[in-house]
Amino acid sequence: MNDDLPRYTLRINRVLLDKLEYIAKYEGRSKNKEIEQLIKKRILEFEKENGEINLNNQDL
C-alpha cells in the first residue's frame, strides 16, 4: 500500500455497502478499488459534459 495516498472516511448505508462489496467481488476488486473506479467513471462523465476540471482554479 502506498502511504502517500490520502485517506477518506466514507459513511454509507449497510445495504449499499454490502451490494458494493458484492459487485467488487464479482469484478475481482476490493471495495476500495471499486469505489475508485466509480469515481473515475463519474469524473470522465462530468468532464465530457462540462469540460476538463482545472484544479488550479477551484472556484465553484
PDB file of N, CA and C in Angstrom:
ATOM      1  N   MET A   1       0.835  -1.183   0.000  1.00  0.00           N
ATOM      2  CA  MET A   1       0.000   0.000   0.000  1.00  0.00           C
ATOM      3  C   MET A   1       0.877   1.243   0.000  1.00  0.00           C
ATOM      4  N   ASN A   2       0.488   2.222  -0.774  1.00  0.00           N
ATOM      5  CA  ASN A   2       1.226   3.472  -0.872  1.00  0.00           C
ATOM      6  C   ASN A   2       0.786   4.398   0.254  1.00  0.00           C
ATOM      7  N   ASP A   3       1.679   4.704   1.183  1.00  0.00           N
ATOM      8  CA  ASP A   3       1.345   5.559   2.317  1.00  0.00           C
ATOM      9  C   ASP A   3       1.199   7.019   1.938  1.00  0.00           C
ATOM     10  N   ASP A   4       1.522   7.379   0.688  1.00  0.00           N
ATOM     11  CA  ASP A   4       1.381   8.755   0.230  1.00  0.00           C
ATOM     12  C   ASP A   4      -0.047   9.069  -0.206  1.00  0.00           C
ATOM     13  N   LEU A   5      -0.904   8.051  -0.285  1.00  0.00           N
ATOM     14  CA  LEU A   5      -2.277   8.269  -0.722  1.00  0.00           C
ATOM     15  C   LEU A   5      -3.102   8.877   0.409  1.00  0.00           C
ATOM     16  N   PRO A   6      -3.892   9.911   0.100  1.00  0.00           N
ATOM     17  CA  PRO A   6      -4.753  10.472   1.139  1.00  0.00           C
ATOM     18  C   PRO A   6      -5.828   9.478   1.547  1.00  0.00           C
ATOM     19  N   ARG A   7      -6.283   9.593   2.759  1.00  0.00           N
ATOM     20  CA  ARG A   7      -7.334   8.711   3.264  1.00  0.00           C
ATOM     21  C   ARG A   7      -8.622   9.505   3.423  1.00  0.00           C
ATOM     22  N   TYR A   8      -9.728   8.812   3.193  1.00  0.00           N
ATOM     23  CA  TYR A   8     -11.030   9.444   3.283  1.00  0.00           C
ATOM     24  C   TYR A   8     -11.995   8.460   3.928  1.00  0.00           C
ATOM     25  N   THR A   9     -12.672   8.897   4.970  1.00  0.00           N
ATOM     26  CA  THR A   9     -13.642   8.042   5.639  1.00  0.00           C
ATOM     27  C   THR A   9     -14.996   8.234   4.966  1.00  0.00           C
ATOM     28  N   LEU A  10     -15.622   7.137   4.610  1.00  0.00           N
ATOM     29  CA  LEU A  10     -16.925   7.170   3.951  1.00  0.00           C
ATOM     30  C   LEU A  10     -17.963   6.543   4.861  1.00  0.00           C
ATOM     31  N   ARG A  11     -19.025   7.268   5.133  1.00  0.00           N
ATOM     32  CA  ARG A  11     -20.145   6.718   5.895  1.00  0.00           C
ATOM     33  C   ARG A  11     -21.224   6.361   4.886  1.00  0.00           C
ATOM     34  N   ILE A  12     -21.684   5.115   4.937  1.00  0.00           N
ATOM     35  CA  ILE A  12     -22.607   4.628   3.923  1.00  0.00           C
ATOM     36  C   ILE A  12     -23.569   3.612   4.549  1.00  0.00           C
ATOM     37  N   ASN A  13     -24.764   3.589   4.039  1.00  0.00           N
ATOM     38  CA  ASN A  13     -25.782   2.641   4.464  1.00  0.00           C
ATOM     39  C   ASN A  13     -25.261   1.216   4.306  1.00  0.00           C
ATOM     40  N   ARG A  14     -25.538   0.348   5.271  1.00  0.00           N
ATOM     41  CA  ARG A  14     -25.037  -1.038   5.270  1.00  0.00           C
ATOM     42  C   ARG A  14     -25.456  -1.797   4.015  1.00  0.00           C
ATOM     43  N   VAL A  15     -26.705  -1.640   3.585  1.00  0.00           N
ATOM     44  CA  VAL A  15     -27.183  -2.360   2.395  1.00  0.00           C
ATOM     45  C   VAL A  15     -26.387  -1.928   1.167  1.00  0.00           C
ATOM     46  N   LEU A  16     -26.162  -0.638   1.019  1.00  0.00           N
ATOM     47  CA  LEU A  16     -25.366  -0.159  -0.116  1.00  0.00           C
ATOM     48  C   LEU A  16     -23.944  -0.705  -0.064  1.00  0.00           C
ATOM     49  N   LEU A  17     -23.363  -0.718   1.127  1.00  0.00           N
ATOM     50  CA  LEU A  17     -22.003  -1.233   1.278  1.00  0.00           C
ATOM     51  C   LEU A  17     -21.938  -2.721   0.930  1.00  0.00           C
ATOM     52  N   ASP A  18     -22.916  -3.474   1.382  1.00  0.00           N
ATOM     53  CA  ASP A  18     -22.941  -4.904   1.079  1.00  0.00           C
ATOM     54  C   ASP A  18     -23.108  -5.154  -0.422  1.00  0.00           C
ATOM     55  N   LYS A  19     -23.948  -4.358  -1.069  1.00  0.00           N
ATOM     56  CA  LYS A  19     -24.125  -4.502  -2.519  1.00  0.00           C
ATOM     57  C   LYS A  19     -22.857  -4.098  -3.267  1.00  0.00           C
ATOM     58  N   LEU A  20     -22.201  -3.046  -2.783  1.00  0.00           N
ATOM     59  CA  LEU A  20     -20.929  -2.637  -3.382  1.00  0.00           C
ATOM     60  C   LEU A  20     -19.901  -3.747  -3.246  1.00  0.00           C
ATOM     61  N   GLU A  21     -19.855  -4.376  -2.085  1.00  0.00           N
ATOM     62  CA  GLU A  21     -18.920  -5.481  -1.871  1.00  0.00           C
ATOM     63  C   GLU A  21     -19.207  -6.634  -2.835  1.00  0.00           C
ATOM     64  N   TYR A  22     -20.480  -6.938  -3.052  1.00  0.00           N
ATOM     65  CA  TYR A  22     -20.865  -7.994  -3.990  1.00  0.00           C
ATOM     66  C   TYR A  22     -20.343  -7.669  -5.399  1.00  0.00           C
ATOM     67  N   ILE A  23     -20.574  -6.437  -5.836  1.00  0.00           N
ATOM     68  CA  ILE A  23     -20.123  -6.026  -7.170  1.00  0.00           C
ATOM     69  C   ILE A  23     -18.601  -6.067  -7.249  1.00  0.00           C
ATOM     70  N   ALA A  24     -17.930  -5.573  -6.222  1.00  0.00           N
ATOM     71  CA  ALA A  24     -16.463  -5.555  -6.210  1.00  0.00           C
ATOM     72  C   ALA A  24     -15.908  -6.968  -6.329  1.00  0.00           C
ATOM     73  N   LYS A  25     -16.470  -7.900  -5.556  1.00  0.00           N
ATOM     74  CA  LYS A  25     -16.012  -9.290  -5.636  1.00  0.00           C
ATOM     75  C   LYS A  25     -16.266  -9.863  -7.019  1.00  0.00           C
ATOM     76  N   TYR A  26     -17.411  -9.576  -7.595  1.00  0.00           N
ATOM     77  CA  TYR A  26     -17.756 -10.043  -8.940  1.00  0.00           C
ATOM     78  C   TYR A  26     -16.731  -9.545  -9.959  1.00  0.00           C
ATOM     79  N   GLU A  27     -16.290  -8.300  -9.785  1.00  0.00           N
ATOM     80  CA  GLU A  27     -15.322  -7.680 -10.700  1.00  0.00           C
ATOM     81  C   GLU A  27     -13.871  -8.012 -10.339  1.00  0.00           C
ATOM     82  N   GLY A  28     -13.667  -8.738  -9.231  1.00  0.00           N
ATOM     83  CA  GLY A  28     -12.310  -9.100  -8.817  1.00  0.00           C
ATOM     84  C   GLY A  28     -11.552  -7.947  -8.196  1.00  0.00           C
ATOM     85  N   ARG A  29     -12.284  -7.039  -7.535  1.00  0.00           N
ATOM     86  CA  ARG A  29     -11.660  -5.875  -6.912  1.00  0.00           C
ATOM     87  C   ARG A  29     -12.005  -5.828  -5.435  1.00  0.00           C
ATOM     88  N   SER A  30     -11.256  -5.001  -4.723  1.00  0.00           N
ATOM     89  CA  SER A  30     -11.617  -4.664  -3.349  1.00  0.00           C
ATOM     90  C   SER A  30     -12.719  -3.607  -3.405  1.00  0.00           C
ATOM     91  N   LYS A  31     -13.384  -3.379  -2.283  1.00  0.00           N
ATOM     92  CA  LYS A  31     -14.396  -2.316  -2.226  1.00  0.00           C
ATOM     93  C   LYS A  31     -13.752  -0.969  -2.533  1.00  0.00           C
ATOM     94  N   ASN A  32     -12.568  -0.756  -2.012  1.00  0.00           N
ATOM     95  CA  ASN A  32     -11.871   0.499  -2.241  1.00  0.00           C
ATOM     96  C   ASN A  32     -11.602   0.728  -3.727  1.00  0.00           C
ATOM     97  N   LYS A  33     -11.114  -0.306  -4.413  1.00  0.00           N
ATOM     98  CA  LYS A  33     -10.819  -0.172  -5.841  1.00  0.00           C
ATOM     99  C   LYS A  33     -12.093   0.006  -6.652  1.00  0.00           C
ATOM    100  N   GLU A  34     -13.177  -0.632  -6.218  1.00  0.00           N
ATOM    101  CA  GLU A  34     -14.460  -0.462  -6.905  1.00  0.00           C
ATOM    102  C   GLU A  34     -14.936   0.981  -6.773  1.00  0.00           C
ATOM    103  N   ILE A  35     -14.815   1.542  -5.584  1.00  0.00           N
ATOM    104  CA  ILE A  35     -15.182   2.947  -5.385  1.00  0.00           C
ATOM    105  C   ILE A  35     -14.310   3.852  -6.246  1.00  0.00           C
ATOM    106  N   GLU A  36     -13.017   3.556  -6.305  1.00  0.00           N
ATOM    107  CA  GLU A  36     -12.100   4.344  -7.130  1.00  0.00           C
ATOM    108  C   GLU A  36     -12.524   4.307  -8.601  1.00  0.00           C
ATOM    109  N   GLN A  37     -12.907   3.140  -9.095  1.00  0.00           N
ATOM    110  CA  GLN A  37     -13.356   3.015 -10.482  1.00  0.00           C
ATOM    111  C   GLN A  37     -14.645   3.816 -10.712  1.00  0.00           C
ATOM    112  N   LEU A  38     -15.558   3.777  -9.767  1.00  0.00           N
ATOM    113  CA  LEU A  38     -16.798   4.545  -9.891  1.00  0.00           C
ATOM    114  C   LEU A  38     -16.519   6.051  -9.910  1.00  0.00           C
ATOM    115  N   ILE A  39     -15.595   6.491  -9.080  1.00  0.00           N
ATOM    116  CA  ILE A  39     -15.224   7.906  -9.054  1.00  0.00           C
ATOM    117  C   ILE A  39     -14.595   8.311 -10.382  1.00  0.00           C
ATOM    118  N   LYS A  40     -13.682   7.506 -10.896  1.00  0.00           N
ATOM    119  CA  LYS A  40     -13.045   7.803 -12.191  1.00  0.00           C
ATOM    120  C   LYS A  40     -14.087   7.906 -13.298  1.00  0.00           C
ATOM    121  N   LYS A  41     -15.042   6.965 -13.305  1.00  0.00           N
ATOM    122  CA  LYS A  41     -16.096   6.966 -14.326  1.00  0.00           C
ATOM    123  C   LYS A  41     -16.923   8.243 -14.233  1.00  0.00           C
ATOM    124  N   ARG A  42     -17.280   8.634 -13.019  1.00  0.00           N
ATOM    125  CA  ARG A  42     -18.083   9.842 -12.838  1.00  0.00           C
ATOM    126  C   ARG A  42     -17.333  11.086 -13.263  1.00  0.00           C
ATOM    127  N   ILE A  43     -16.033  11.163 -12.953  1.00  0.00           N
ATOM    128  CA  ILE A  43     -15.225  12.313 -13.359  1.00  0.00           C
ATOM    129  C   ILE A  43     -15.167  12.400 -14.877  1.00  0.00           C
ATOM    130  N   LEU A  44     -14.951  11.273 -15.551  1.00  0.00           N
ATOM    131  CA  LEU A  44     -14.930  11.273 -17.017  1.00  0.00           C
ATOM    132  C   LEU A  44     -16.258  11.746 -17.592  1.00  0.00           C
ATOM    133  N   GLU A  45     -17.370  11.277 -17.029  1.00  0.00           N
ATOM    134  CA  GLU A  45     -18.695  11.715 -17.479  1.00  0.00           C
ATOM    135  C   GLU A  45     -18.870  13.216 -17.283  1.00  0.00           C
ATOM    136  N   PHE A  46     -18.482  13.708 -16.119  1.00  0.00           N
ATOM    137  CA  PHE A  46     -18.614  15.125 -15.805  1.00  0.00           C
ATOM    138  C   PHE A  46     -17.790  15.965 -16.772  1.00  0.00           C
ATOM    139  N   GLU A  47     -16.533  15.568 -16.991  1.00  0.00           N
ATOM    140  CA  GLU A  47     -15.655  16.335 -17.870  1.00  0.00           C
ATOM    141  C   GLU A  47     -16.118  16.282 -19.318  1.00  0.00           C
ATOM    142  N   LYS A  48     -16.723  15.193 -19.720  1.00  0.00           N
ATOM    143  CA  LYS A  48     -17.261  15.091 -21.083  1.00  0.00           C
ATOM    144  C   LYS A  48     -18.386  16.108 -21.279  1.00  0.00           C
ATOM    145  N   GLU A  49     -19.205  16.291 -20.253  1.00  0.00           N
ATOM    146  CA  GLU A  49     -20.332  17.211 -20.335  1.00  0.00           C
ATOM    147  C   GLU A  49     -19.938  18.661 -20.082  1.00  0.00           C
ATOM    148  N   ASN A  50     -18.934  18.885 -19.225  1.00  0.00           N
ATOM    149  CA  ASN A  50     -18.636  20.232 -18.744  1.00  0.00           C
ATOM    150  C   ASN A  50     -17.232  20.728 -19.037  1.00  0.00           C
ATOM    151  N   GLY A  51     -16.405  19.923 -19.653  1.00  0.00           N
ATOM    152  CA  GLY A  51     -15.023  20.299 -19.900  1.00  0.00           C
ATOM    153  C   GLY A  51     -14.118  19.832 -18.777  1.00  0.00           C
ATOM    154  N   GLU A  52     -12.835  19.806 -19.089  1.00  0.00           N
ATOM    155  CA  GLU A  52     -11.855  19.303 -18.123  1.00  0.00           C
ATOM    156  C   GLU A  52     -11.835  20.147 -16.860  1.00  0.00           C
ATOM    157  N   ILE A  53     -11.722  19.499 -15.750  1.00  0.00           N
ATOM    158  CA  ILE A  53     -11.642  20.182 -14.459  1.00  0.00           C
ATOM    159  C   ILE A  53     -10.228  20.731 -14.290  1.00  0.00           C
ATOM    160  N   ASN A  54     -10.141  22.041 -14.074  1.00  0.00           N
ATOM    161  CA  ASN A  54      -8.858  22.695 -13.855  1.00  0.00           C
ATOM    162  C   ASN A  54      -8.677  22.880 -12.359  1.00  0.00           C
ATOM    163  N   LEU A  55      -7.782  22.105 -11.762  1.00  0.00           N
ATOM    164  CA  LEU A  55      -7.597  22.161 -10.311  1.00  0.00           C
ATOM    165  C   LEU A  55      -6.833  23.407  -9.861  1.00  0.00           C
ATOM    166  N   ASN A  56      -6.276  24.170 -10.803  1.00  0.00           N
ATOM    167  CA  ASN A  56      -5.598  25.406 -10.444  1.00  0.00           C
ATOM    168  C   ASN A  56      -6.622  26.498 -10.133  1.00  0.00           C
ATOM    169  N   ASN A  57      -7.839  26.371 -10.669  1.00  0.00           N
ATOM    170  CA  ASN A  57      -8.910  27.325 -10.422  1.00  0.00           C
ATOM    171  C   ASN A  57     -10.053  26.589  -9.750  1.00  0.00           C
ATOM    172  N   GLN A  58     -10.053  26.547  -8.437  1.00  0.00           N
ATOM    173  CA  GLN A  58     -11.032  25.767  -7.705  1.00  0.00           C
ATOM    174  C   GLN A  58     -12.257  26.565  -7.284  1.00  0.00           C
ATOM    175  N   ASP A  59     -12.506  27.708  -7.933  1.00  0.00           N
ATOM    176  CA  ASP A  59     -13.722  28.466  -7.624  1.00  0.00           C
ATOM    177  C   ASP A  59     -14.924  27.711  -8.163  1.00  0.00           C
ATOM    178  N   LEU A  60     -15.889  27.437  -7.300  1.00  0.00           N
ATOM    179  CA  LEU A  60     -17.100  26.734  -7.705  1.00  0.00           C
ATOM    180  C   LEU A  60     -18.263  27.687  -7.759  1.00  0.00           C
TER     181      LEU A  60
END
